[in-house]
Amino acid sequence: MQPSGHRLRDIEHHPLLTDNDNYDSASSSSSETDMADRVWFIRDGCGMVCAVMTWLLVVYADFVVTFVMLLPSKDFWYSVVNGVLFNCLAVLALSSHLRTMLTDPGAVPKGNATKEYMESLQLKPGEVIYKCPKCCCIKPERAHHCSICKRCIRKMDHHCPWVNNCVGEKNQRFFVLFTMYIALSSVHALILCGLQFISCVRGQWTECSDFSPPITVILLVFLCLEGLLFFTFTAVMFGTQIHSICNDETEIERLKSEKPTWERRLRWEGMKSVFGGPPSLLWMNPFVGFRLRRLQMRTRKGGPEFSV
């Protein structure tokens, strides 16, 4: 079965794929190259709804901050400075969200557990490798199968419906930036709401907004609730992610209490591994590495894929 002397460990004891199975080995050999040229997008109903809701809530916050609090203000520089700051944070947050959602998190090519691929690994006699019975791939160390993405993901931390994607080896940086910028914009919005309430009460709700007092109160209260919820959620997630990166341990590994079989990186080494390079302002930039290409549709087995 395996003349090279290595062993394939499969929990469900599925046999190794052969040339007669329904698997295109030619497409597998070029899958790594094709993956770099495709926009990654998970067609999950719940995830797409959550992603749209995230954008709508950020747009709502921007509307209230701009048209309810800043534009009616008589202090020109107060409006300009806070307007530029809040909109910059909103743009950075939504850009980070897009990069997290549309970036391949580190998916292992499907169906690469072929004899040819096994032989190309040049494994030592007695060496054990693992095959995922669900997507028929050779699982690298620290990879886990996601039932929503239907793929094994390298260094999978968790699947987040709010970004409609897994958080893994290749997009964890953007997820951390997304949580950070949402938390900062939430704090900014809460501060502006507090100042607006004080201003309106002192002015007896006259000329503090272009909207009527009841509508202004409703808009501000809803924004306060949104800001508190967003800040609580994203601040906790940001802290959890930084803790995981510094300890070189994913959330799945922590919850399963897996003993590390890998050599853990030091704290700064882990941060440099995720964010790329030595500490710099580029760590805060979600546009680093972004390349805009022509969008087109390709039809393949299993459905259409968006390509760039």
C-alpha atoms as a PDB file:
ATOM      1  CA  MET A   1       0.000   0.000   0.000  1.00  0.00           C
ATOM      2  CA  GLN A   2       2.743   2.420   0.971  1.00  0.00           C
ATOM      3  CA  PRO A   3       6.108   1.162  -0.344  1.00  0.00           C
ATOM      4  CA  SER A   4       7.979   4.206   0.891  1.00  0.00           C
ATOM      5  CA  GLY A   5       7.550   3.000   4.470  1.00  0.00           C
ATOM      6  CA  HIS A   6       5.636   6.031   5.771  1.00  0.00           C
ATOM      7  CA  ARG A   7       2.264   5.739   7.511  1.00  0.00           C
ATOM      8  CA  LEU A   8      -0.962   7.587   6.779  1.00  0.00           C
ATOM      9  CA  ARG A   9      -3.046   8.120   9.894  1.00  0.00           C
ATOM     10  CA  ASP A  10      -6.711   8.660   9.153  1.00  0.00           C
ATOM     11  CA  ILE A  11      -9.214   8.795  12.004  1.00  0.00           C
ATOM     12  CA  GLU A  12     -12.063   7.514   9.835  1.00  0.00           C
ATOM     13  CA  HIS A  13      -9.789   5.067   7.958  1.00  0.00           C
ATOM     14  CA  HIS A  14     -10.605   6.398   4.521  1.00  0.00           C
ATOM     15  CA  PRO A  15      -8.305   4.918   1.859  1.00  0.00           C
ATOM     16  CA  LEU A  16      -5.753   7.021   0.076  1.00  0.00           C
ATOM     17  CA  LEU A  17      -7.043   8.532  -3.162  1.00  0.00           C
ATOM     18  CA  THR A  18      -6.013   6.778  -6.368  1.00  0.00           C
ATOM     19  CA  ASP A  19      -5.903   7.851  -9.969  1.00  0.00           C
ATOM     20  CA  ASN A  20      -9.333   6.310 -10.560  1.00  0.00           C
ATOM     21  CA  ASP A  21     -11.050   8.465  -7.917  1.00  0.00           C
ATOM     22  CA  ASN A  22     -13.045  11.567  -8.791  1.00  0.00           C
ATOM     23  CA  TYR A  23     -10.171  13.923  -8.336  1.00  0.00           C
ATOM     24  CA  ASP A  24      -8.361  16.059 -10.891  1.00  0.00           C
ATOM     25  CA  SER A  25      -4.653  15.770 -10.098  1.00  0.00           C
ATOM     26  CA  ALA A  26      -3.778  18.391 -12.718  1.00  0.00           C
ATOM     27  CA  SER A  27      -5.928  20.977 -10.985  1.00  0.00           C
ATOM     28  CA  SER A  28      -4.381  19.985  -7.651  1.00  0.00           C
ATOM     29  CA  SER A  29      -0.846  20.621  -8.858  1.00  0.00           C
ATOM     30  CA  SER A  30      -1.740  24.167  -9.844  1.00  0.00           C
ATOM     31  CA  SER A  31      -4.127  24.838  -6.960  1.00  0.00           C
ATOM     32  CA  GLU A  32      -1.560  26.723  -4.903  1.00  0.00           C
ATOM     33  CA  THR A  33      -0.863  29.062  -7.823  1.00  0.00           C
ATOM     34  CA  ASP A  34      -4.547  29.522  -8.609  1.00  0.00           C
ATOM     35  CA  MET A  35      -5.343  30.225  -4.961  1.00  0.00           C
ATOM     36  CA  ALA A  36      -3.121  33.310  -5.020  1.00  0.00           C
ATOM     37  CA  ASP A  37      -5.072  34.630  -8.015  1.00  0.00           C
ATOM     38  CA  ARG A  38      -8.562  34.116  -6.578  1.00  0.00           C
ATOM     39  CA  VAL A  39     -10.654  36.228  -4.283  1.00  0.00           C
ATOM     40  CA  TRP A  40     -11.558  34.015  -1.360  1.00  0.00           C
ATOM     41  CA  PHE A  41     -15.245  34.221  -0.511  1.00  0.00           C
ATOM     42  CA  ILE A  42     -17.359  31.869   1.601  1.00  0.00           C
ATOM     43  CA  ARG A  43     -20.934  31.465   0.376  1.00  0.00           C
ATOM     44  CA  ASP A  44     -22.495  31.031   3.804  1.00  0.00           C
ATOM     45  CA  GLY A  45     -25.918  32.631   4.347  1.00  0.00           C
ATOM     46  CA  CYS A  46     -25.435  33.416   8.029  1.00  0.00           C
ATOM     47  CA  GLY A  47     -21.965  34.809   7.453  1.00  0.00           C
ATOM     48  CA  MET A  48     -23.053  37.036   4.574  1.00  0.00           C
ATOM     49  CA  VAL A  49     -25.937  38.438   6.653  1.00  0.00           C
ATOM     50  CA  CYS A  50     -23.579  39.156   9.573  1.00  0.00           C
ATOM     51  CA  ALA A  51     -21.049  40.813   7.270  1.00  0.00           C
ATOM     52  CA  VAL A  52     -23.713  43.065   5.737  1.00  0.00           C
ATOM     53  CA  MET A  53     -25.020  43.938   9.206  1.00  0.00           C
ATOM     54  CA  THR A  54     -21.500  44.945  10.255  1.00  0.00           C
ATOM     55  CA  TRP A  55     -21.222  47.357   7.346  1.00  0.00           C
ATOM     56  CA  LEU A  56     -24.710  48.784   7.925  1.00  0.00           C
ATOM     57  CA  LEU A  57     -23.983  49.416  11.605  1.00  0.00           C
ATOM     58  CA  VAL A  58     -20.727  51.206  10.786  1.00  0.00           C
ATOM     59  CA  VAL A  59     -22.502  53.292   8.138  1.00  0.00           C
ATOM     60  CA  TYR A  60     -25.243  54.135  10.648  1.00  0.00           C
ATOM     61  CA  ALA A  61     -22.656  55.263  13.205  1.00  0.00           C
ATOM     62  CA  ASP A  62     -20.975  57.422  10.571  1.00  0.00           C
ATOM     63  CA  PHE A  63     -24.335  58.971   9.629  1.00  0.00           C
ATOM     64  CA  VAL A  64     -25.188  59.876  13.232  1.00  0.00           C
ATOM     65  CA  VAL A  65     -21.731  61.246  13.981  1.00  0.00           C
ATOM     66  CA  THR A  66     -21.597  63.313  10.795  1.00  0.00           C
ATOM     67  CA  PHE A  67     -25.153  64.578  10.318  1.00  0.00           C
ATOM     68  CA  VAL A  68     -26.510  64.618  13.873  1.00  0.00           C
ATOM     69  CA  MET A  69     -23.495  65.731  15.897  1.00  0.00           C
ATOM     70  CA  LEU A  70     -20.768  67.343  13.791  1.00  0.00           C
ATOM     71  CA  LEU A  71     -22.383  69.241  10.908  1.00  0.00           C
ATOM     72  CA  PRO A  72     -24.851  71.171  13.134  1.00  0.00           C
ATOM     73  CA  SER A  73     -22.003  72.144  15.479  1.00  0.00           C
ATOM     74  CA  LYS A  74     -21.011  75.821  15.506  1.00  0.00           C
ATOM     75  CA  ASP A  75     -17.377  74.945  16.257  1.00  0.00           C
ATOM     76  CA  PHE A  76     -15.811  74.529  12.810  1.00  0.00           C
ATOM     77  CA  TRP A  77     -12.529  72.930  13.888  1.00  0.00           C
ATOM     78  CA  TYR A  78     -14.299  70.597  16.331  1.00  0.00           C
ATOM     79  CA  SER A  79     -16.395  69.286  13.442  1.00  0.00           C
ATOM     80  CA  VAL A  80     -13.495  69.003  10.994  1.00  0.00           C
ATOM     81  CA  VAL A  81     -11.051  67.252  13.333  1.00  0.00           C
ATOM     82  CA  ASN A  82     -13.568  64.789  14.724  1.00  0.00           C
ATOM     83  CA  GLY A  83     -15.146  64.191  11.325  1.00  0.00           C
ATOM     84  CA  VAL A  84     -11.806  63.364   9.704  1.00  0.00           C
ATOM     85  CA  LEU A  85     -10.721  61.186  12.628  1.00  0.00           C
ATOM     86  CA  PHE A  86     -13.948  59.173  12.844  1.00  0.00           C
ATOM     87  CA  ASN A  87     -14.222  58.651   9.090  1.00  0.00           C
ATOM     88  CA  CYS A  88     -10.578  57.541   8.876  1.00  0.00           C
ATOM     89  CA  LEU A  89     -11.187  54.977  11.616  1.00  0.00           C
ATOM     90  CA  ALA A  90     -14.362  53.798   9.858  1.00  0.00           C
ATOM     91  CA  VAL A  91     -12.574  53.416   6.509  1.00  0.00           C
ATOM     92  CA  LEU A  92      -9.681  51.521   8.118  1.00  0.00           C
ATOM     93  CA  ALA A  93     -12.121  49.262   9.995  1.00  0.00           C
ATOM     94  CA  LEU A  94     -14.158  48.423   6.884  1.00  0.00           C
ATOM     95  CA  SER A  95     -11.001  47.929   4.805  1.00  0.00           C
ATOM     96  CA  SER A  96      -9.660  45.522   7.424  1.00  0.00           C
ATOM     97  CA  HIS A  97     -13.025  43.741   7.394  1.00  0.00           C
ATOM     98  CA  LEU A  98     -12.868  43.323   3.623  1.00  0.00           C
ATOM     99  CA  ARG A  99      -9.289  42.050   3.722  1.00  0.00           C
ATOM    100  CA  THR A 100     -10.229  39.542   6.434  1.00  0.00           C
ATOM    101  CA  MET A 101     -13.292  38.348   4.534  1.00  0.00           C
ATOM    102  CA  LEU A 102     -11.707  38.119   1.062  1.00  0.00           C
ATOM    103  CA  THR A 103      -8.275  36.748   2.017  1.00  0.00           C
ATOM    104  CA  ASP A 104      -7.561  33.034   1.921  1.00  0.00           C
ATOM    105  CA  PRO A 105      -7.005  32.194   5.623  1.00  0.00           C
ATOM    106  CA  GLY A 106      -4.552  29.431   4.770  1.00  0.00           C
ATOM    107  CA  ALA A 107      -6.663  26.730   3.139  1.00  0.00           C
ATOM    108  CA  VAL A 108      -5.020  23.401   2.382  1.00  0.00           C
ATOM    109  CA  PRO A 109      -5.681  22.244  -1.228  1.00  0.00           C
ATOM    110  CA  LYS A 110      -8.534  19.769  -1.427  1.00  0.00           C
ATOM    111  CA  GLY A 111      -7.853  16.157  -2.392  1.00  0.00           C
ATOM    112  CA  ASN A 112      -4.062  16.321  -2.406  1.00  0.00           C
ATOM    113  CA  ALA A 113      -3.793  12.943  -0.621  1.00  0.00           C
ATOM    114  CA  THR A 114      -2.716  11.122  -3.775  1.00  0.00           C
ATOM    115  CA  LYS A 115       0.061   8.574  -4.156  1.00  0.00           C
ATOM    116  CA  GLU A 116       1.957  10.996  -6.382  1.00  0.00           C
ATOM    117  CA  TYR A 117       1.791  13.763  -3.785  1.00  0.00           C
ATOM    118  CA  MET A 118       2.772  11.352  -1.003  1.00  0.00           C
ATOM    119  CA  GLU A 119       5.832  10.281  -2.951  1.00  0.00           C
ATOM    120  CA  SER A 120       6.775  13.889  -3.672  1.00  0.00           C
ATOM    121  CA  LEU A 121       6.902  14.598   0.091  1.00  0.00           C
ATOM    122  CA  GLN A 122       9.918  12.253   0.400  1.00  0.00           C
ATOM    123  CA  LEU A 123       8.871  11.145   3.873  1.00  0.00           C
ATOM    124  CA  LYS A 124      11.181   9.127   6.092  1.00  0.00           C
ATOM    125  CA  PRO A 125      10.303   5.491   6.833  1.00  0.00           C
ATOM    126  CA  GLY A 126       7.900   5.271   9.763  1.00  0.00           C
ATOM    127  CA  GLU A 127       6.931   8.959   9.594  1.00  0.00           C
ATOM    128  CA  VAL A 128       3.258   9.556  10.354  1.00  0.00           C
ATOM    129  CA  ILE A 129       1.160  12.062   8.421  1.00  0.00           C
ATOM    130  CA  TYR A 130      -2.523  12.863   8.790  1.00  0.00           C
ATOM    131  CA  LYS A 131      -5.265  12.952   6.197  1.00  0.00           C
ATOM    132  CA  CYS A 132      -8.538  14.810   6.654  1.00  0.00           C
ATOM    133  CA  PRO A 133     -11.378  12.414   5.740  1.00  0.00           C
ATOM    134  CA  LYS A 134     -13.711  15.330   4.997  1.00  0.00           C
ATOM    135  CA  CYS A 135     -11.727  17.175   2.322  1.00  0.00           C
ATOM    136  CA  CYS A 136      -9.227  14.408   1.491  1.00  0.00           C
ATOM    137  CA  CYS A 137      -6.132  16.500   2.066  1.00  0.00           C
ATOM    138  CA  ILE A 138      -2.864  15.936   3.864  1.00  0.00           C
ATOM    139  CA  LYS A 139      -3.225  17.977   7.064  1.00  0.00           C
ATOM    140  CA  PRO A 140      -0.207  20.060   8.013  1.00  0.00           C
ATOM    141  CA  GLU A 141       0.660  20.471  11.655  1.00  0.00           C
ATOM    142  CA  ARG A 142      -1.724  22.815  13.532  1.00  0.00           C
ATOM    143  CA  ALA A 143      -4.304  22.701  10.718  1.00  0.00           C
ATOM    144  CA  HIS A 144      -7.994  22.135  11.536  1.00  0.00           C
ATOM    145  CA  HIS A 145     -11.026  21.409   9.384  1.00  0.00           C
ATOM    146  CA  CYS A 146     -13.733  24.088   9.243  1.00  0.00           C
ATOM    147  CA  SER A 147     -17.203  22.705   8.643  1.00  0.00           C
ATOM    148  CA  ILE A 148     -18.406  26.053   7.240  1.00  0.00           C
ATOM    149  CA  CYS A 149     -15.491  26.742   4.881  1.00  0.00           C
ATOM    150  CA  LYS A 150     -15.357  22.982   4.142  1.00  0.00           C
ATOM    151  CA  ARG A 151     -11.566  23.171   4.106  1.00  0.00           C
ATOM    152  CA  CYS A 152      -8.649  22.492   6.406  1.00  0.00           C
ATOM    153  CA  ILE A 153      -7.163  25.823   7.526  1.00  0.00           C
ATOM    154  CA  ARG A 154      -3.559  26.303   8.607  1.00  0.00           C
ATOM    155  CA  LYS A 155      -3.263  27.671  12.148  1.00  0.00           C
ATOM    156  CA  MET A 156      -7.036  28.056  12.306  1.00  0.00           C
ATOM    157  CA  ASP A 157      -7.989  30.239  15.274  1.00  0.00           C
ATOM    158  CA  HIS A 158     -11.772  30.226  14.831  1.00  0.00           C
ATOM    159  CA  HIS A 159     -14.519  30.848  12.286  1.00  0.00           C
ATOM    160  CA  CYS A 160     -16.030  34.298  12.684  1.00  0.00           C
ATOM    161  CA  PRO A 161     -19.459  34.860  11.087  1.00  0.00           C
ATOM    162  CA  TRP A 162     -19.040  38.658  11.368  1.00  0.00           C
ATOM    163  CA  VAL A 163     -16.273  38.514   8.776  1.00  0.00           C
ATOM    164  CA  ASN A 164     -17.778  35.479   6.997  1.00  0.00           C
ATOM    165  CA  ASN A 165     -14.459  33.666   7.093  1.00  0.00           C
ATOM    166  CA  CYS A 166     -12.056  31.672   9.188  1.00  0.00           C
ATOM    167  CA  VAL A 167      -9.291  33.478  11.028  1.00  0.00           C
ATOM    168  CA  GLY A 168      -6.120  31.644  10.160  1.00  0.00           C
ATOM    169  CA  GLU A 169      -2.501  31.896   9.185  1.00  0.00           C
ATOM    170  CA  LYS A 170      -2.881  34.365   6.314  1.00  0.00           C
ATOM    171  CA  ASN A 171      -5.609  36.753   7.484  1.00  0.00           C
ATOM    172  CA  GLN A 172      -5.198  36.952  11.265  1.00  0.00           C
ATOM    173  CA  ARG A 173      -3.421  40.284  10.901  1.00  0.00           C
ATOM    174  CA  PHE A 174      -6.413  41.877   9.175  1.00  0.00           C
ATOM    175  CA  PHE A 175      -8.813  40.468  11.779  1.00  0.00           C
ATOM    176  CA  VAL A 176      -6.724  42.001  14.580  1.00  0.00           C
ATOM    177  CA  LEU A 177      -6.749  45.362  12.772  1.00  0.00           C
ATOM    178  CA  PHE A 178     -10.509  45.100  12.248  1.00  0.00           C
ATOM    179  CA  THR A 179     -11.181  44.560  15.962  1.00  0.00           C
ATOM    180  CA  MET A 180      -8.764  47.345  16.909  1.00  0.00           C
ATOM    181  CA  TYR A 181     -10.236  49.976  14.576  1.00  0.00           C
ATOM    182  CA  ILE A 182     -13.824  49.076  15.487  1.00  0.00           C
ATOM    183  CA  ALA A 183     -12.963  49.388  19.185  1.00  0.00           C
ATOM    184  CA  LEU A 184     -11.287  52.783  18.625  1.00  0.00           C
ATOM    185  CA  SER A 185     -14.161  54.133  16.528  1.00  0.00           C
ATOM    186  CA  SER A 186     -16.651  52.892  19.155  1.00  0.00           C
ATOM    187  CA  VAL A 187     -14.792  54.773  21.903  1.00  0.00           C
ATOM    188  CA  HIS A 188     -14.699  57.878  19.732  1.00  0.00           C
ATOM    189  CA  ALA A 189     -18.425  57.655  19.011  1.00  0.00           C
ATOM    190  CA  LEU A 190     -19.239  57.197  22.719  1.00  0.00           C
ATOM    191  CA  ILE A 191     -17.179  60.275  23.637  1.00  0.00           C
ATOM    192  CA  LEU A 192     -18.917  62.334  20.962  1.00  0.00           C
ATOM    193  CA  CYS A 193     -22.321  61.105  22.149  1.00  0.00           C
ATOM    194  CA  GLY A 194     -21.525  62.186  25.705  1.00  0.00           C
ATOM    195  CA  LEU A 195     -20.404  65.641  24.580  1.00  0.00           C
ATOM    196  CA  GLN A 196     -23.491  65.963  22.376  1.00  0.00           C
ATOM    197  CA  PHE A 197     -25.854  65.098  25.237  1.00  0.00           C
ATOM    198  CA  ILE A 198     -24.160  67.700  27.454  1.00  0.00           C
ATOM    199  CA  SER A 199     -24.387  70.321  24.706  1.00  0.00           C
ATOM    200  CA  CYS A 200     -28.056  69.594  24.017  1.00  0.00           C
ATOM    201  CA  VAL A 201     -29.037  69.666  27.694  1.00  0.00           C
ATOM    202  CA  ARG A 202     -27.247  72.975  28.248  1.00  0.00           C
ATOM    203  CA  GLY A 203     -28.903  74.467  25.184  1.00  0.00           C
ATOM    204  CA  GLN A 204     -32.274  73.022  26.148  1.00  0.00           C
ATOM    205  CA  TRP A 205     -32.306  70.992  22.926  1.00  0.00           C
ATOM    206  CA  THR A 206     -32.473  74.076  20.700  1.00  0.00           C
ATOM    207  CA  GLU A 207     -30.200  74.208  17.671  1.00  0.00           C
ATOM    208  CA  CYS A 208     -28.102  71.250  18.852  1.00  0.00           C
ATOM    209  CA  SER A 209     -29.239  69.148  15.893  1.00  0.00           C
ATOM    210  CA  ASP A 210     -31.046  69.488  12.575  1.00  0.00           C
ATOM    211  CA  PHE A 211     -33.430  66.755  13.752  1.00  0.00           C
ATOM    212  CA  SER A 212     -36.235  67.129  16.278  1.00  0.00           C
ATOM    213  CA  PRO A 213     -35.324  66.438  19.942  1.00  0.00           C
ATOM    214  CA  PRO A 214     -37.132  63.038  20.124  1.00  0.00           C
ATOM    215  CA  ILE A 215     -35.463  61.762  16.946  1.00  0.00           C
ATOM    216  CA  THR A 216     -32.090  63.100  18.089  1.00  0.00           C
ATOM    217  CA  VAL A 217     -32.427  61.296  21.428  1.00  0.00           C
ATOM    218  CA  ILE A 218     -33.394  58.024  19.730  1.00  0.00           C
ATOM    219  CA  LEU A 219     -30.466  58.228  17.282  1.00  0.00           C
ATOM    220  CA  LEU A 220     -27.967  59.042  20.027  1.00  0.00           C
ATOM    221  CA  VAL A 221     -29.234  56.358  22.411  1.00  0.00           C
ATOM    222  CA  PHE A 222     -29.098  53.692  19.711  1.00  0.00           C
ATOM    223  CA  LEU A 223     -25.560  54.791  18.779  1.00  0.00           C
ATOM    224  CA  CYS A 224     -24.517  54.588  22.450  1.00  0.00           C
ATOM    225  CA  LEU A 225     -25.864  51.048  22.711  1.00  0.00           C
ATOM    226  CA  GLU A 226     -24.168  50.066  19.464  1.00  0.00           C
ATOM    227  CA  GLY A 227     -20.893  51.636  20.591  1.00  0.00           C
ATOM    228  CA  LEU A 228     -20.968  49.829  23.944  1.00  0.00           C
ATOM    229  CA  LEU A 229     -21.717  46.453  22.363  1.00  0.00           C
ATOM    230  CA  PHE A 230     -19.157  46.865  19.586  1.00  0.00           C
ATOM    231  CA  PHE A 231     -16.473  48.098  21.961  1.00  0.00           C
ATOM    232  CA  THR A 232     -17.033  45.258  24.437  1.00  0.00           C
ATOM    233  CA  PHE A 233     -16.974  42.567  21.755  1.00  0.00           C
ATOM    234  CA  THR A 234     -14.045  43.885  19.713  1.00  0.00           C
ATOM    235  CA  ALA A 235     -11.922  44.871  22.705  1.00  0.00           C
ATOM    236  CA  VAL A 236     -12.236  41.350  24.126  1.00  0.00           C
ATOM    237  CA  MET A 237     -11.463  39.805  20.739  1.00  0.00           C
ATOM    238  CA  PHE A 238      -8.486  42.126  20.225  1.00  0.00           C
ATOM    239  CA  GLY A 239      -7.056  41.212  23.619  1.00  0.00           C
ATOM    240  CA  THR A 240      -7.650  37.508  22.994  1.00  0.00           C
ATOM    241  CA  GLN A 241      -5.946  37.655  19.603  1.00  0.00           C
ATOM    242  CA  ILE A 242      -2.893  39.516  20.909  1.00  0.00           C
ATOM    243  CA  HIS A 243      -2.622  37.029  23.787  1.00  0.00           C
ATOM    244  CA  SER A 244      -2.819  34.100  21.340  1.00  0.00           C
ATOM    245  CA  ILE A 245      -0.199  35.617  19.034  1.00  0.00           C
ATOM    246  CA  CYS A 246       2.204  36.333  21.892  1.00  0.00           C
ATOM    247  CA  ASN A 247       1.785  32.775  23.216  1.00  0.00           C
ATOM    248  CA  ASP A 248       1.916  31.255  19.714  1.00  0.00           C
ATOM    249  CA  GLU A 249      -1.308  29.385  20.404  1.00  0.00           C
ATOM    250  CA  THR A 250      -4.582  29.474  18.507  1.00  0.00           C
ATOM    251  CA  GLU A 251      -7.964  29.645  20.207  1.00  0.00           C
ATOM    252  CA  ILE A 252      -8.786  26.071  19.129  1.00  0.00           C
ATOM    253  CA  GLU A 253      -5.519  24.801  20.601  1.00  0.00           C
ATOM    254  CA  ARG A 254      -6.205  26.653  23.837  1.00  0.00           C
ATOM    255  CA  LEU A 255      -9.770  25.333  24.166  1.00  0.00           C
ATOM    256  CA  LYS A 256      -8.648  21.770  23.418  1.00  0.00           C
ATOM    257  CA  SER A 257      -5.687  22.150  25.802  1.00  0.00           C
ATOM    258  CA  GLU A 258      -3.427  20.712  23.123  1.00  0.00           C
ATOM    259  CA  LYS A 259       0.161  20.191  24.171  1.00  0.00           C
ATOM    260  CA  PRO A 260       2.417  22.054  21.728  1.00  0.00           C
ATOM    261  CA  THR A 261       4.394  19.743  19.461  1.00  0.00           C
ATOM    262  CA  TRP A 262       5.977  22.753  17.786  1.00  0.00           C
ATOM    263  CA  GLU A 263       8.633  25.135  19.031  1.00  0.00           C
ATOM    264  CA  ARG A 264       6.801  28.186  20.304  1.00  0.00           C
ATOM    265  CA  ARG A 265       7.961  31.574  19.114  1.00  0.00           C
ATOM    266  CA  LEU A 266       8.908  34.334  21.482  1.00  0.00           C
ATOM    267  CA  ARG A 267       6.366  37.131  21.895  1.00  0.00           C
ATOM    268  CA  TRP A 268       7.898  39.587  19.446  1.00  0.00           C
ATOM    269  CA  GLU A 269       8.710  36.792  17.024  1.00  0.00           C
ATOM    270  CA  GLY A 270       5.043  35.820  17.022  1.00  0.00           C
ATOM    271  CA  MET A 271       3.953  39.408  16.409  1.00  0.00           C
ATOM    272  CA  LYS A 272       6.456  39.813  13.560  1.00  0.00           C
ATOM    273  CA  SER A 273       5.287  36.525  12.069  1.00  0.00           C
ATOM    274  CA  VAL A 274       1.652  37.687  11.955  1.00  0.00           C
ATOM    275  CA  PHE A 275       2.137  41.357  11.054  1.00  0.00           C
ATOM    276  CA  GLY A 276       5.245  40.935   8.921  1.00  0.00           C
ATOM    277  CA  GLY A 277       8.661  42.448   9.540  1.00  0.00           C
ATOM    278  CA  PRO A 278       9.935  44.511  12.464  1.00  0.00           C
ATOM    279  CA  PRO A 279       7.580  46.866  14.362  1.00  0.00           C
ATOM    280  CA  SER A 280       6.526  49.833  12.211  1.00  0.00           C
ATOM    281  CA  LEU A 281       3.495  51.897  11.250  1.00  0.00           C
ATOM    282  CA  LEU A 282       2.936  49.451   8.383  1.00  0.00           C
ATOM    283  CA  TRP A 283       1.552  47.033  10.977  1.00  0.00           C
ATOM    284  CA  MET A 284      -1.456  49.361  11.260  1.00  0.00           C
ATOM    285  CA  ASN A 285      -2.036  49.528   7.489  1.00  0.00           C
ATOM    286  CA  PRO A 286      -4.660  47.079   6.147  1.00  0.00           C
ATOM    287  CA  PHE A 287      -3.741  47.986   2.551  1.00  0.00           C
ATOM    288  CA  VAL A 288      -0.239  46.481   2.692  1.00  0.00           C
ATOM    289  CA  GLY A 289       0.133  43.791   0.037  1.00  0.00           C
ATOM    290  CA  PHE A 290      -3.133  44.713  -1.667  1.00  0.00           C
ATOM    291  CA  ARG A 291      -3.113  44.308  -5.449  1.00  0.00           C
ATOM    292  CA  LEU A 292      -6.081  45.375  -7.563  1.00  0.00           C
ATOM    293  CA  ARG A 293      -6.641  43.161 -10.570  1.00  0.00           C
ATOM    294  CA  ARG A 294      -9.368  42.642 -13.121  1.00  0.00           C
ATOM    295  CA  LEU A 295     -12.443  40.872 -11.708  1.00  0.00           C
ATOM    296  CA  GLN A 296     -13.865  38.062 -13.789  1.00  0.00           C
ATOM    297  CA  MET A 297     -15.991  34.934 -13.418  1.00  0.00           C
ATOM    298  CA  ARG A 298     -14.688  31.444 -13.932  1.00  0.00           C
ATOM    299  CA  THR A 299     -16.965  28.432 -13.987  1.00  0.00           C
ATOM    300  CA  ARG A 300     -15.511  25.305 -12.453  1.00  0.00           C
ATOM    301  CA  LYS A 301     -16.750  22.059 -11.015  1.00  0.00           C
ATOM    302  CA  GLY A 302     -18.607  22.853  -7.840  1.00  0.00           C
ATOM    303  CA  GLY A 303     -19.819  26.279  -8.861  1.00  0.00           C
ATOM    304  CA  PRO A 304     -18.535  29.672 -10.007  1.00  0.00           C
ATOM    305  CA  GLU A 305     -15.525  31.318  -8.432  1.00  0.00           C
ATOM    306  CA  PHE A 306     -14.731  35.007  -8.397  1.00  0.00           C
ATOM    307  CA  SER A 307     -11.244  35.625  -9.728  1.00  0.00           C
ATOM    308  CA  VAL A 308      -9.043  38.670 -10.006  1.00  0.00           C
END
